[in-house]
C-alpha atoms as a PDB file:
ATOM      1  CA  MET A   1     -23.308  -6.016  37.368  1.00  0.00           C
ATOM      2  CA  ILE A   2     -21.923  -5.157  33.935  1.00  0.00           C
ATOM      3  CA  THR A   3     -19.938  -1.996  33.276  1.00  0.00           C
ATOM      4  CA  SER A   4     -18.937  -0.543  29.920  1.00  0.00           C
ATOM      5  CA  MET A   5     -16.066   1.906  29.590  1.00  0.00           C
ATOM      6  CA  SER A   6     -14.258   3.746  26.855  1.00  0.00           C
ATOM      7  CA  ARG A   7     -10.542   3.404  26.217  1.00  0.00           C
ATOM      8  CA  ASN A   8      -9.790   6.633  28.126  1.00  0.00           C
ATOM      9  CA  SER A   9     -11.623   5.607  31.288  1.00  0.00           C
ATOM     10  CA  TRP A  10      -9.676   2.381  31.793  1.00  0.00           C
ATOM     11  CA  TYR A  11      -6.434   2.789  33.732  1.00  0.00           C
ATOM     12  CA  GLY A  12      -3.810   0.288  32.725  1.00  0.00           C
ATOM     13  CA  LYS A  13      -0.120   0.426  31.933  1.00  0.00           C
ATOM     14  CA  MET A  14       0.427   2.759  29.011  1.00  0.00           C
ATOM     15  CA  GLU A  15       3.557   1.000  27.733  1.00  0.00           C
ATOM     16  CA  GLU A  16       4.723   0.105  24.266  1.00  0.00           C
ATOM     17  CA  LYS A  17       3.650  -3.306  22.966  1.00  0.00           C
ATOM     18  CA  ASP A  18       5.268  -6.095  24.945  1.00  0.00           C
ATOM     19  CA  TYR A  19       4.239  -9.369  23.369  1.00  0.00           C
ATOM     20  CA  TYR A  20       4.901 -12.784  24.817  1.00  0.00           C
ATOM     21  CA  ASN A  21       3.267 -16.175  24.389  1.00  0.00           C
ATOM     22  CA  PRO A  22       0.012 -16.801  26.292  1.00  0.00           C
ATOM     23  CA  PRO A  23      -0.479 -20.004  28.319  1.00  0.00           C
ATOM     24  CA  ALA A  24      -0.369 -23.266  26.357  1.00  0.00           C
ATOM     25  CA  SER A  25      -4.070 -23.698  27.166  1.00  0.00           C
ATOM     26  CA  PHE A  26      -4.806 -21.134  24.469  1.00  0.00           C
ATOM     27  CA  ALA A  27      -3.010 -22.816  21.557  1.00  0.00           C
ATOM     28  CA  ASN A  28      -3.671 -20.974  18.332  1.00  0.00           C
ATOM     29  CA  GLY A  29      -5.978 -22.545  15.785  1.00  0.00           C
ATOM     30  CA  PRO A  30      -5.583 -22.174  12.021  1.00  0.00           C
ATOM     31  CA  GLY A  31      -5.111 -18.487  11.247  1.00  0.00           C
ATOM     32  CA  ILE A  32      -5.830 -17.377  14.832  1.00  0.00           C
ATOM     33  CA  ILE A  33      -3.179 -15.432  16.740  1.00  0.00           C
ATOM     34  CA  ARG A  34      -3.265 -15.109  20.522  1.00  0.00           C
ATOM     35  CA  VAL A  35      -0.650 -12.937  22.191  1.00  0.00           C
ATOM     36  CA  THR A  36      -0.565 -10.776  25.316  1.00  0.00           C
ATOM     37  CA  ARG A  37       0.329  -7.107  25.585  1.00  0.00           C
ATOM     38  CA  ASP A  38       0.459  -4.313  28.155  1.00  0.00           C
ATOM     39  CA  LEU A  39      -1.463  -1.738  26.127  1.00  0.00           C
ATOM     40  CA  PRO A  40      -5.273  -1.654  26.617  1.00  0.00           C
ATOM     41  CA  PRO A  41      -7.522  -1.825  23.527  1.00  0.00           C
ATOM     42  CA  ALA A  42      -7.875   1.473  21.720  1.00  0.00           C
ATOM     43  CA  HIS A  43     -11.670   1.628  21.489  1.00  0.00           C
ATOM     44  CA  TYR A  44     -13.724  -0.272  24.050  1.00  0.00           C
ATOM     45  CA  LEU A  45     -13.686  -2.223  27.323  1.00  0.00           C
ATOM     46  CA  PHE A  46     -16.511  -3.644  29.391  1.00  0.00           C
ATOM     47  CA  ARG A  47     -16.471  -5.352  32.790  1.00  0.00           C
ATOM     48  CA  ILE A  48     -18.812  -8.124  33.916  1.00  0.00           C
ATOM     49  CA  ASN A  49     -19.349  -8.713  37.624  1.00  0.00           C
ATOM     50  CA  SER A  50     -21.066 -11.831  39.004  1.00  0.00           C
ATOM     51  CA  PHE A  51     -20.051 -13.840  35.949  1.00  0.00           C
ATOM     52  CA  SER A  52     -21.031 -17.101  37.681  1.00  0.00           C
ATOM     53  CA  LEU A  53     -24.702 -16.152  37.306  1.00  0.00           C
ATOM     54  CA  PHE A  54     -24.380 -16.878  33.585  1.00  0.00           C
ATOM     55  CA  ALA A  55     -23.569 -20.496  34.416  1.00  0.00           C
ATOM     56  CA  GLU A  56     -26.364 -20.676  36.915  1.00  0.00           C
ATOM     57  CA  TYR A  57     -28.885 -19.300  34.464  1.00  0.00           C
ATOM     58  CA  GLU A  58     -27.989 -21.025  31.191  1.00  0.00           C
ATOM     59  CA  SER A  59     -31.091 -19.535  29.604  1.00  0.00           C
ATOM     60  CA  ILE A  60     -28.995 -16.378  29.214  1.00  0.00           C
ATOM     61  CA  GLU A  61     -27.567 -17.399  25.871  1.00  0.00           C
ATOM     62  CA  LYS A  62     -25.796 -14.144  25.035  1.00  0.00           C
ATOM     63  CA  TYR A  63     -25.118 -10.692  26.359  1.00  0.00           C
ATOM     64  CA  GLU A  64     -24.970  -7.565  24.190  1.00  0.00           C
ATOM     65  CA  SER A  65     -22.585  -4.852  25.338  1.00  0.00           C
ATOM     66  CA  GLY A  66     -23.206  -1.140  25.110  1.00  0.00           C
ATOM     67  CA  VAL A  67     -22.695   0.667  21.788  1.00  0.00           C
ATOM     68  CA  PHE A  68     -19.332   2.308  21.096  1.00  0.00           C
ATOM     69  CA  GLY A  69     -17.871   4.273  18.203  1.00  0.00           C
ATOM     70  CA  ALA A  70     -14.825   3.431  16.092  1.00  0.00           C
ATOM     71  CA  GLY A  71     -13.801   4.446  12.569  1.00  0.00           C
ATOM     72  CA  GLY A  72     -16.939   6.554  12.098  1.00  0.00           C
ATOM     73  CA  TYR A  73     -19.360   3.662  12.769  1.00  0.00           C
ATOM     74  CA  LYS A  74     -21.253   2.223  15.764  1.00  0.00           C
ATOM     75  CA  TRP A  75     -20.429  -1.218  17.185  1.00  0.00           C
ATOM     76  CA  ARG A  76     -21.166  -3.540  20.059  1.00  0.00           C
ATOM     77  CA  LEU A  77     -19.764  -6.819  21.389  1.00  0.00           C
ATOM     78  CA  LEU A  78     -21.849  -9.998  21.594  1.00  0.00           C
ATOM     79  CA  LEU A  79     -20.739 -12.322  24.387  1.00  0.00           C
ATOM     80  CA  TYR A  80     -21.837 -15.955  24.674  1.00  0.00           C
ATOM     81  CA  PRO A  81     -20.701 -16.762  28.251  1.00  0.00           C
ATOM     82  CA  ASN A  82     -21.430 -20.464  27.842  1.00  0.00           C
ATOM     83  CA  GLY A  83     -20.385 -20.638  24.198  1.00  0.00           C
ATOM     84  CA  ASN A  84     -22.310 -20.257  20.966  1.00  0.00           C
ATOM     85  CA  LYS A  85     -23.610 -23.827  20.794  1.00  0.00           C
ATOM     86  CA  LYS A  86     -25.079 -23.230  17.333  1.00  0.00           C
ATOM     87  CA  SER A  87     -21.613 -22.576  15.954  1.00  0.00           C
ATOM     88  CA  SER A  88     -19.160 -25.060  17.553  1.00  0.00           C
ATOM     89  CA  GLY A  89     -18.683 -22.885  20.635  1.00  0.00           C
ATOM     90  CA  GLU A  90     -19.697 -25.398  23.318  1.00  0.00           C
ATOM     91  CA  ASP A  91     -17.287 -25.446  26.310  1.00  0.00           C
ATOM     92  CA  PHE A  92     -15.809 -22.150  25.142  1.00  0.00           C
ATOM     93  CA  ILE A  93     -16.536 -18.475  25.549  1.00  0.00           C
ATOM     94  CA  SER A  94     -17.664 -16.992  22.221  1.00  0.00           C
ATOM     95  CA  LEU A  95     -17.218 -13.297  21.446  1.00  0.00           C
ATOM     96  CA  TYR A  96     -18.198 -11.294  18.347  1.00  0.00           C
ATOM     97  CA  LEU A  97     -18.048  -7.748  16.988  1.00  0.00           C
ATOM     98  CA  GLN A  98     -21.355  -6.490  15.551  1.00  0.00           C
ATOM     99  CA  ILE A  99     -22.044  -3.312  13.587  1.00  0.00           C
ATOM    100  CA  GLU A 100     -24.998  -1.185  14.719  1.00  0.00           C
ATOM    101  CA  ASP A 101     -27.319   1.459  13.257  1.00  0.00           C
ATOM    102  CA  THR A 102     -27.204  -0.196   9.840  1.00  0.00           C
ATOM    103  CA  LYS A 103     -30.514   1.429   8.840  1.00  0.00           C
ATOM    104  CA  THR A 104     -28.694   4.755   8.633  1.00  0.00           C
ATOM    105  CA  LEU A 105     -26.138   3.400   6.166  1.00  0.00           C
ATOM    106  CA  PRO A 106     -26.618   3.808   2.388  1.00  0.00           C
ATOM    107  CA  SER A 107     -28.094   1.039   0.263  1.00  0.00           C
ATOM    108  CA  GLY A 108     -25.561  -1.619  -0.654  1.00  0.00           C
ATOM    109  CA  TRP A 109     -23.189  -0.581   2.137  1.00  0.00           C
ATOM    110  CA  GLN A 110     -20.145  -2.602   3.036  1.00  0.00           C
ATOM    111  CA  ILE A 111     -17.382  -1.878   5.549  1.00  0.00           C
ATOM    112  CA  ASN A 112     -13.984  -3.569   5.599  1.00  0.00           C
ATOM    113  CA  VAL A 113     -12.548  -4.036   9.074  1.00  0.00           C
ATOM    114  CA  ASN A 114      -9.484  -5.453  10.760  1.00  0.00           C
ATOM    115  CA  PHE A 115     -10.233  -5.995  14.441  1.00  0.00           C
ATOM    116  CA  LYS A 116      -8.864  -7.511  17.648  1.00  0.00           C
ATOM    117  CA  LEU A 117     -10.760  -8.780  20.687  1.00  0.00           C
ATOM    118  CA  PHE A 118      -9.330  -8.747  24.213  1.00  0.00           C
ATOM    119  CA  VAL A 119      -9.566 -10.432  27.602  1.00  0.00           C
ATOM    120  CA  PHE A 120      -7.881  -8.754  30.576  1.00  0.00           C
ATOM    121  CA  ASP A 121      -5.485 -10.752  32.773  1.00  0.00           C
ATOM    122  CA  GLN A 122      -6.135  -9.058  36.114  1.00  0.00           C
ATOM    123  CA  ILE A 123      -3.245 -10.777  37.902  1.00  0.00           C
ATOM    124  CA  ARG A 124      -0.474  -9.862  35.463  1.00  0.00           C
ATOM    125  CA  ASP A 125      -2.067  -6.600  34.287  1.00  0.00           C
ATOM    126  CA  LYS A 126      -1.897  -7.690  30.650  1.00  0.00           C
ATOM    127  CA  TYR A 127      -4.349  -8.181  27.810  1.00  0.00           C
ATOM    128  CA  LEU A 128      -4.841 -11.415  25.910  1.00  0.00           C
ATOM    129  CA  THR A 129      -5.272 -10.283  22.285  1.00  0.00           C
ATOM    130  CA  ILE A 130      -7.116 -12.471  19.794  1.00  0.00           C
ATOM    131  CA  GLU A 131      -7.157 -11.795  16.064  1.00  0.00           C
ATOM    132  CA  GLU A 132      -7.289 -13.612  12.762  1.00  0.00           C
ATOM    133  CA  ALA A 133      -3.915 -13.258  11.068  1.00  0.00           C
ATOM    134  CA  GLY A 134      -4.002 -10.630   8.327  1.00  0.00           C
ATOM    135  CA  ALA A 135      -7.782 -10.883   8.009  1.00  0.00           C
ATOM    136  CA  VAL A 136      -9.946  -8.008   6.789  1.00  0.00           C
ATOM    137  CA  LYS A 137     -13.606  -8.814   7.384  1.00  0.00           C
ATOM    138  CA  ARG A 138     -16.348  -7.389   5.215  1.00  0.00           C
ATOM    139  CA  PHE A 139     -19.423  -6.264   7.130  1.00  0.00           C
ATOM    140  CA  HIS A 140     -22.558  -5.864   5.006  1.00  0.00           C
ATOM    141  CA  GLN A 141     -26.336  -6.257   5.205  1.00  0.00           C
ATOM    142  CA  MET A 142     -26.188 -10.072   5.151  1.00  0.00           C
ATOM    143  CA  LYS A 143     -23.192 -10.325   7.519  1.00  0.00           C
ATOM    144  CA  THR A 144     -23.284  -7.869  10.403  1.00  0.00           C
ATOM    145  CA  LYS A 145     -21.080  -9.716  12.900  1.00  0.00           C
ATOM    146  CA  TRP A 146     -17.678 -11.404  12.936  1.00  0.00           C
ATOM    147  CA  GLY A 147     -15.718 -12.947  15.770  1.00  0.00           C
ATOM    148  CA  PHE A 148     -14.573 -16.128  17.465  1.00  0.00           C
ATOM    149  CA  ASP A 149     -16.726 -19.152  18.287  1.00  0.00           C
ATOM    150  CA  GLN A 150     -13.911 -20.557  20.431  1.00  0.00           C
ATOM    151  CA  LEU A 151     -12.361 -17.500  22.052  1.00  0.00           C
ATOM    152  CA  ILE A 152     -11.208 -19.288  25.249  1.00  0.00           C
ATOM    153  CA  LEU A 153     -11.942 -22.655  26.827  1.00  0.00           C
ATOM    154  CA  LEU A 154     -14.367 -22.093  29.681  1.00  0.00           C
ATOM    155  CA  GLU A 155     -12.283 -24.323  31.924  1.00  0.00           C
ATOM    156  CA  CYS A 156      -9.184 -22.225  31.336  1.00  0.00           C
ATOM    157  CA  PHE A 157     -11.102 -18.968  31.604  1.00  0.00           C
ATOM    158  CA  LYS A 158     -12.482 -19.948  35.014  1.00  0.00           C
ATOM    159  CA  ASP A 159      -9.089 -21.076  36.333  1.00  0.00           C
ATOM    160  CA  ALA A 160      -8.257 -18.244  38.757  1.00  0.00           C
ATOM    161  CA  SER A 161      -4.508 -18.693  38.206  1.00  0.00           C
ATOM    162  CA  ASN A 162      -4.890 -17.449  34.618  1.00  0.00           C
ATOM    163  CA  GLY A 163      -6.234 -14.119  35.877  1.00  0.00           C
ATOM    164  CA  TYR A 164      -9.178 -13.764  33.524  1.00  0.00           C
ATOM    165  CA  LEU A 165     -11.893 -14.363  36.125  1.00  0.00           C
ATOM    166  CA  VAL A 166     -11.029 -12.819  39.505  1.00  0.00           C
ATOM    167  CA  ASP A 167     -13.582 -12.374  42.297  1.00  0.00           C
ATOM    168  CA  ASP A 168     -16.249 -13.407  39.778  1.00  0.00           C
ATOM    169  CA  SER A 169     -15.340 -10.394  37.612  1.00  0.00           C
ATOM    170  CA  CYS A 170     -13.892 -10.231  34.081  1.00  0.00           C
ATOM    171  CA  VAL A 171     -13.105  -7.640  31.407  1.00  0.00           C
ATOM    172  CA  PHE A 172     -13.439  -7.889  27.606  1.00  0.00           C
ATOM    173  CA  GLY A 173     -12.486  -5.355  24.942  1.00  0.00           C
ATOM    174  CA  ALA A 174     -12.226  -4.474  21.263  1.00  0.00           C
ATOM    175  CA  GLU A 175     -10.000  -2.571  18.867  1.00  0.00           C
ATOM    176  CA  VAL A 176     -11.480  -1.756  15.451  1.00  0.00           C
ATOM    177  CA  LEU A 177      -9.609  -0.533  12.370  1.00  0.00           C
ATOM    178  CA  VAL A 178     -11.898   0.466   9.495  1.00  0.00           C
ATOM    179  CA  ILE A 179     -10.252   0.145   6.080  1.00  0.00           C
ATOM    180  CA  GLU A 180     -11.555   3.050   4.023  1.00  0.00           C
ATOM    181  CA  HIS A 181     -12.554   2.609   0.394  1.00  0.00           C
ATOM    182  CA  ILE A 182     -10.288   4.177  -2.225  1.00  0.00           C
ATOM    183  CA  SER A 183     -11.976   7.445  -3.180  1.00  0.00           C
ATOM    184  CA  THR A 184      -9.657   8.438  -6.039  1.00  0.00           C
ATOM    185  CA  TRP A 185      -8.924   6.337  -9.094  1.00  0.00           C
ATOM    186  CA  ASP A 186      -6.270   6.892 -11.718  1.00  0.00           C
ATOM    187  CA  ASP A 187      -7.059   5.072 -14.946  1.00  0.00           C
ATOM    188  CA  MET A 188      -4.270   4.475 -17.449  1.00  0.00           C
ATOM    189  CA  SER A 189      -3.223   2.190 -20.280  1.00  0.00           C
ATOM    190  CA  ILE A 190       0.100   1.105 -21.748  1.00  0.00           C
ATOM    191  CA  LEU A 191       0.195   1.760 -25.494  1.00  0.00           C
ATOM    192  CA  LYS A 192       2.487   0.124 -28.029  1.00  0.00           C
ATOM    193  CA  LEU A 193       3.212   2.724 -30.667  1.00  0.00           C
ATOM    194  CA  PRO A 194       3.261   1.742 -34.363  1.00  0.00           C
ATOM    195  CA  PRO A 195       6.605   2.315 -36.136  1.00  0.00           C
ATOM    196  CA  VAL A 196       5.230   5.427 -37.807  1.00  0.00           C
ATOM    197  CA  ASP A 197       5.696   8.932 -36.433  1.00  0.00           C
ATOM    198  CA  ASN A 198       7.106   7.572 -33.170  1.00  0.00           C
ATOM    199  CA  CYS A 199      10.623   9.011 -33.537  1.00  0.00           C
ATOM    200  CA  ILE A 200      12.291  12.270 -32.519  1.00  0.00           C
ATOM    201  CA  SER A 201      15.246  13.104 -34.792  1.00  0.00           C
ATOM    202  CA  PHE A 202      17.958  15.733 -34.496  1.00  0.00           C
ATOM    203  CA  LYS A 203      20.837  16.472 -36.869  1.00  0.00           C
ATOM    204  CA  ILE A 204      23.941  18.149 -35.470  1.00  0.00           C
ATOM    205  CA  GLU A 205      26.040  19.882 -38.119  1.00  0.00           C
ATOM    206  CA  ASN A 206      29.528  21.430 -38.019  1.00  0.00           C
ATOM    207  CA  PHE A 207      30.583  19.096 -35.222  1.00  0.00           C
ATOM    208  CA  SER A 208      34.208  20.228 -35.326  1.00  0.00           C
ATOM    209  CA  LYS A 209      33.128  23.833 -34.683  1.00  0.00           C
ATOM    210  CA  LEU A 210      30.627  23.249 -31.862  1.00  0.00           C
ATOM    211  CA  ASP A 211      31.291  25.513 -28.882  1.00  0.00           C
ATOM    212  CA  LYS A 212      28.222  25.060 -26.652  1.00  0.00           C
ATOM    213  CA  GLU A 213      27.871  22.469 -23.899  1.00  0.00           C
ATOM    214  CA  CYS A 214      24.329  21.418 -24.881  1.00  0.00           C
ATOM    215  CA  TYR A 215      22.240  21.511 -28.035  1.00  0.00           C
ATOM    216  CA  GLU A 216      18.453  21.056 -27.889  1.00  0.00           C
ATOM    217  CA  SER A 217      16.312  19.767 -30.717  1.00  0.00           C
ATOM    218  CA  PRO A 218      13.058  21.517 -31.648  1.00  0.00           C
ATOM    219  CA  LEU A 219       9.994  20.157 -29.812  1.00  0.00           C
ATOM    220  CA  GLN A 220       8.409  17.206 -31.615  1.00  0.00           C
ATOM    221  CA  THR A 221       5.095  15.474 -30.916  1.00  0.00           C
ATOM    222  CA  VAL A 222       4.829  11.732 -30.273  1.00  0.00           C
ATOM    223  CA  ALA A 223       1.723  10.067 -28.793  1.00  0.00           C
ATOM    224  CA  GLY A 224       0.227  13.483 -28.089  1.00  0.00           C
ATOM    225  CA  TYR A 225       3.150  14.677 -25.958  1.00  0.00           C
ATOM    226  CA  LYS A 226       5.968  17.094 -26.708  1.00  0.00           C
ATOM    227  CA  TRP A 227       9.582  15.870 -26.618  1.00  0.00           C
ATOM    228  CA  LYS A 228      13.074  17.067 -27.392  1.00  0.00           C
ATOM    229  CA  LEU A 229      16.557  15.584 -27.520  1.00  0.00           C
ATOM    230  CA  ASN A 230      19.360  17.126 -25.492  1.00  0.00           C
ATOM    231  CA  VAL A 231      22.794  16.506 -26.987  1.00  0.00           C
ATOM    232  CA  TYR A 232      26.049  17.155 -25.143  1.00  0.00           C
ATOM    233  CA  PRO A 233      28.743  16.716 -27.827  1.00  0.00           C
ATOM    234  CA  TYR A 234      31.569  16.573 -25.288  1.00  0.00           C
ATOM    235  CA  GLY A 235      29.711  15.170 -22.264  1.00  0.00           C
ATOM    236  CA  ASP A 236      27.267  16.793 -19.844  1.00  0.00           C
ATOM    237  CA  GLY A 237      29.851  17.674 -17.210  1.00  0.00           C
ATOM    238  CA  ARG A 238      29.593  14.436 -15.240  1.00  0.00           C
ATOM    239  CA  VAL A 239      31.962  12.752 -17.718  1.00  0.00           C
ATOM    240  CA  LYS A 240      35.601  12.949 -16.754  1.00  0.00           C
ATOM    241  CA  GLY A 241      37.361  14.585 -19.692  1.00  0.00           C
ATOM    242  CA  ASP A 242      35.927  15.320 -23.124  1.00  0.00           C
ATOM    243  CA  ASP A 243      35.668  11.674 -24.110  1.00  0.00           C
ATOM    244  CA  ALA A 244      31.982  10.806 -24.547  1.00  0.00           C
ATOM    245  CA  LEU A 245      28.783  11.911 -26.213  1.00  0.00           C
ATOM    246  CA  SER A 246      25.845  12.380 -23.787  1.00  0.00           C
ATOM    247  CA  LEU A 247      22.253  11.977 -25.032  1.00  0.00           C
ATOM    248  CA  PHE A 248      18.958  12.548 -23.213  1.00  0.00           C
ATOM    249  CA  LEU A 249      15.261  12.491 -24.060  1.00  0.00           C
ATOM    250  CA  GLU A 250      13.323  15.281 -22.349  1.00  0.00           C
ATOM    251  CA  TYR A 251       9.581  15.502 -21.830  1.00  0.00           C
ATOM    252  CA  SER A 252       8.014  18.974 -21.903  1.00  0.00           C
ATOM    253  CA  THR A 253       5.243  19.420 -19.313  1.00  0.00           C
ATOM    254  CA  GLU A 254       4.504  23.002 -20.308  1.00  0.00           C
ATOM    255  CA  ALA A 255       3.944  22.161 -23.949  1.00  0.00           C
ATOM    256  CA  SER A 256       2.116  18.885 -23.244  1.00  0.00           C
ATOM    257  CA  GLY A 257      -0.127  20.281 -20.538  1.00  0.00           C
ATOM    258  CA  VAL A 258       0.070  17.132 -18.423  1.00  0.00           C
ATOM    259  CA  PRO A 259      -1.038  17.621 -14.794  1.00  0.00           C
ATOM    260  CA  PRO A 260       1.876  18.035 -12.358  1.00  0.00           C
ATOM    261  CA  LYS A 261       3.109  14.940 -10.521  1.00  0.00           C
ATOM    262  CA  ARG A 262       1.585  12.535 -13.026  1.00  0.00           C
ATOM    263  CA  SER A 263       4.139   9.874 -13.839  1.00  0.00           C
ATOM    264  CA  LEU A 264       4.550   8.933 -17.489  1.00  0.00           C
ATOM    265  CA  TYR A 265       6.121   5.534 -18.170  1.00  0.00           C
ATOM    266  CA  VAL A 266       8.071   5.308 -21.438  1.00  0.00           C
ATOM    267  CA  LYS A 267      10.086   2.514 -23.046  1.00  0.00           C
ATOM    268  CA  TYR A 268      12.294   3.867 -25.800  1.00  0.00           C
ATOM    269  CA  LYS A 269      15.542   3.579 -27.733  1.00  0.00           C
ATOM    270  CA  ILE A 270      18.151   6.258 -28.264  1.00  0.00           C
ATOM    271  CA  ARG A 271      20.346   5.771 -31.301  1.00  0.00           C
ATOM    272  CA  LEU A 272      23.171   7.338 -33.236  1.00  0.00           C
ATOM    273  CA  MET A 273      22.569   6.820 -36.927  1.00  0.00           C
ATOM    274  CA  ASP A 274      25.073   5.019 -39.155  1.00  0.00           C
ATOM    275  CA  GLN A 275      24.720   7.174 -42.281  1.00  0.00           C
ATOM    276  CA  ILE A 276      26.636   4.732 -44.482  1.00  0.00           C
ATOM    277  CA  SER A 277      25.546   1.143 -43.765  1.00  0.00           C
ATOM    278  CA  SER A 278      22.645   1.559 -41.291  1.00  0.00           C
ATOM    279  CA  LYS A 279      24.501  -0.254 -38.484  1.00  0.00           C
ATOM    280  CA  HIS A 280      23.176   2.190 -35.951  1.00  0.00           C
ATOM    281  CA  HIS A 281      24.460   2.388 -32.391  1.00  0.00           C
ATOM    282  CA  GLU A 282      21.424   2.216 -30.081  1.00  0.00           C
ATOM    283  CA  ARG A 283      20.574   1.624 -26.442  1.00  0.00           C
ATOM    284  CA  SER A 284      17.202   0.851 -24.827  1.00  0.00           C
ATOM    285  CA  ILE A 285      15.878   2.423 -21.656  1.00  0.00           C
ATOM    286  CA  ASP A 286      12.722   2.348 -19.467  1.00  0.00           C
ATOM    287  CA  SER A 287      11.983   5.566 -17.582  1.00  0.00           C
ATOM    288  CA  SER A 288       9.256   7.278 -15.592  1.00  0.00           C
ATOM    289  CA  PHE A 289       8.982  10.937 -16.519  1.00  0.00           C
ATOM    290  CA  GLU A 290       7.489  13.074 -13.754  1.00  0.00           C
ATOM    291  CA  GLU A 291       7.616  16.595 -12.400  1.00  0.00           C
ATOM    292  CA  ASP A 292      11.106  16.385 -10.912  1.00  0.00           C
ATOM    293  CA  SER A 293      12.551  13.879 -13.441  1.00  0.00           C
ATOM    294  CA  LEU A 294      11.839  15.160 -16.926  1.00  0.00           C
ATOM    295  CA  SER A 295      15.018  14.093 -18.711  1.00  0.00           C
ATOM    296  CA  TRP A 296      16.436  10.574 -19.013  1.00  0.00           C
ATOM    297  CA  GLY A 297      19.206   9.112 -21.106  1.00  0.00           C
ATOM    298  CA  PHE A 298      22.907   8.218 -21.113  1.00  0.00           C
ATOM    299  CA  ILE A 299      25.844  10.180 -19.752  1.00  0.00           C
ATOM    300  CA  LYS A 300      28.277   8.047 -21.725  1.00  0.00           C
ATOM    301  CA  PHE A 301      26.315   7.094 -24.805  1.00  0.00           C
ATOM    302  CA  LEU A 302      29.334   6.672 -27.088  1.00  0.00           C
ATOM    303  CA  SER A 303      33.001   7.551 -26.868  1.00  0.00           C
ATOM    304  CA  LEU A 304      34.153  10.446 -29.036  1.00  0.00           C
ATOM    305  CA  GLU A 305      36.796   8.157 -30.492  1.00  0.00           C
ATOM    306  CA  ASN A 306      34.088   5.896 -31.925  1.00  0.00           C
ATOM    307  CA  LEU A 307      32.023   8.888 -33.011  1.00  0.00           C
ATOM    308  CA  ARG A 308      34.948  10.228 -35.044  1.00  0.00           C
ATOM    309  CA  ASP A 309      35.827   6.822 -36.529  1.00  0.00           C
ATOM    310  CA  ALA A 310      34.956   7.332 -40.219  1.00  0.00           C
ATOM    311  CA  SER A 311      34.524   3.579 -40.792  1.00  0.00           C
ATOM    312  CA  LYS A 312      31.527   3.502 -38.480  1.00  0.00           C
ATOM    313  CA  GLY A 313      29.540   6.008 -40.496  1.00  0.00           C
ATOM    314  CA  PHE A 314      28.345   8.118 -37.559  1.00  0.00           C
ATOM    315  CA  LEU A 315      30.072  11.356 -38.550  1.00  0.00           C
ATOM    316  CA  VAL A 316      29.603  12.232 -42.222  1.00  0.00           C
ATOM    317  CA  GLU A 317      30.537  15.618 -43.640  1.00  0.00           C
ATOM    318  CA  ASP A 318      31.080  16.856 -40.079  1.00  0.00           C
ATOM    319  CA  ALA A 319      27.473  16.023 -39.094  1.00  0.00           C
ATOM    320  CA  PHE A 320      25.760  13.288 -37.088  1.00  0.00           C
ATOM    321  CA  ILE A 321      22.123  12.345 -36.488  1.00  0.00           C
ATOM    322  CA  VAL A 322      20.598  11.184 -33.209  1.00  0.00           C
ATOM    323  CA  GLU A 323      17.151   9.723 -32.783  1.00  0.00           C
ATOM    324  CA  ALA A 324      14.803   8.577 -30.017  1.00  0.00           C
ATOM    325  CA  GLU A 325      12.219   5.919 -30.863  1.00  0.00           C
ATOM    326  CA  ILE A 326       9.327   5.598 -28.397  1.00  0.00           C
ATOM    327  CA  ILE A 327       8.071   2.004 -28.247  1.00  0.00           C
ATOM    328  CA  LEU A 328       5.697   1.899 -25.231  1.00  0.00           C
ATOM    329  CA  ILE A 329       4.079   4.747 -23.340  1.00  0.00           C
ATOM    330  CA  SER A 330       1.530   5.025 -20.546  1.00  0.00           C
ATOM    331  CA  LYS A 331      -1.565   7.004 -21.372  1.00  0.00           C
ATOM    332  CA  PRO A 332      -4.114   8.301 -18.823  1.00  0.00           C
ATOM    333  CA  ASN A 333      -7.663   7.399 -19.829  1.00  0.00           C
ATOM    334  CA  CYS A 334      -8.942  10.425 -17.960  1.00  0.00           C
ATOM    335  CA  ASP A 335      -7.349  13.406 -16.204  1.00  0.00           C
END
C-alpha cells in the first residue's frame, strides 16, 4: 500500500531546524549534503507500505508518486526501490523530482529549481535531508527530472536500527523552491564625458560682504541633467567655527525629470580656481545621486585661511570661482 500526503496532513514535530550529522553510512559525496532535521518537508510526503514486495518483484523498476503542487507547477517523485541500474544506482535507492503537465507550459519553457529530497527516520522522528550544495537545477523540455542516483545504500536503508524502514513501511518527501525569472530589467551605461561642456562654474563676488549661509549657482546642464553648486562661504553648519569653505554638487530631479528612486552614479571633481597661476585646489569624489541623496560634496573643502591667502590666487578682487567637472556618469538606456 502506498499513501501520498500533503505537508499539512503529516503530523511531525513542528520545531525549528535542528541539524546534526547523519550516520556515517551516508557519507556525503562530492557536492551532496546529507543532514537530519525535525521539520517535515514543506511540500510533499508519501508513505510506502509492504516495501519488501519491491525486492521480491524486481520487475518493478520504478514507482511514480502522486502529483503535487509547488511554486505554481506540478511535480511528482520517481522512486527506484532497487536503484536506477542504468545510472550507477545499483545497490542504492534512487529518487528523482520530475515536473509534470509540461504540455501546458509555453514553448521554450525552462524552470530553475532548488530542491531537497527526504527520508523519514521513524525511530528518532527526524528527516534525513538530501540536497546538492548550492545547486539550482534547470528543468526544460529535454531535462524534466533531477535527483540522486545514489540516495541511500539499500543495505543501510533496510537496517531497522536506522529507522528508515520500520514494519516494512517507509516515507519519502520533497521540498521545492522555484527560482522566478527576473521580470524587470534596468538597462544603463557608464559614459565618459569629453572635456567640453562638462563643467558647472560659479563665481562668488564681494566675499568680504557675504551675509548668507548658502549661495546657489544657476542650474546648468551636463550630460542631459540639471546641476547646481551649493557654496557655504563660512561652512554649512557642521563645521566647528567659521574656518572652512563647504562645497556641494546638487542634482535637480525636478528640472531633469528623472524617475524617482533611480540612482545616478557620478564621478566628478570639485575645484577652487587659482586665478593667477592655475594651480587649482581640487578634490575627486564618487557619488550616487538618488531621491533622498541629491547633494554630495565636502564639508571642509578648504580652510578660510588658505582661501584668503593672496599668494594662492584663490581670492582675487574679493571674488573666487568654484567649479565641478563631471568625468563619468551613468546613463539609463531606457526609462
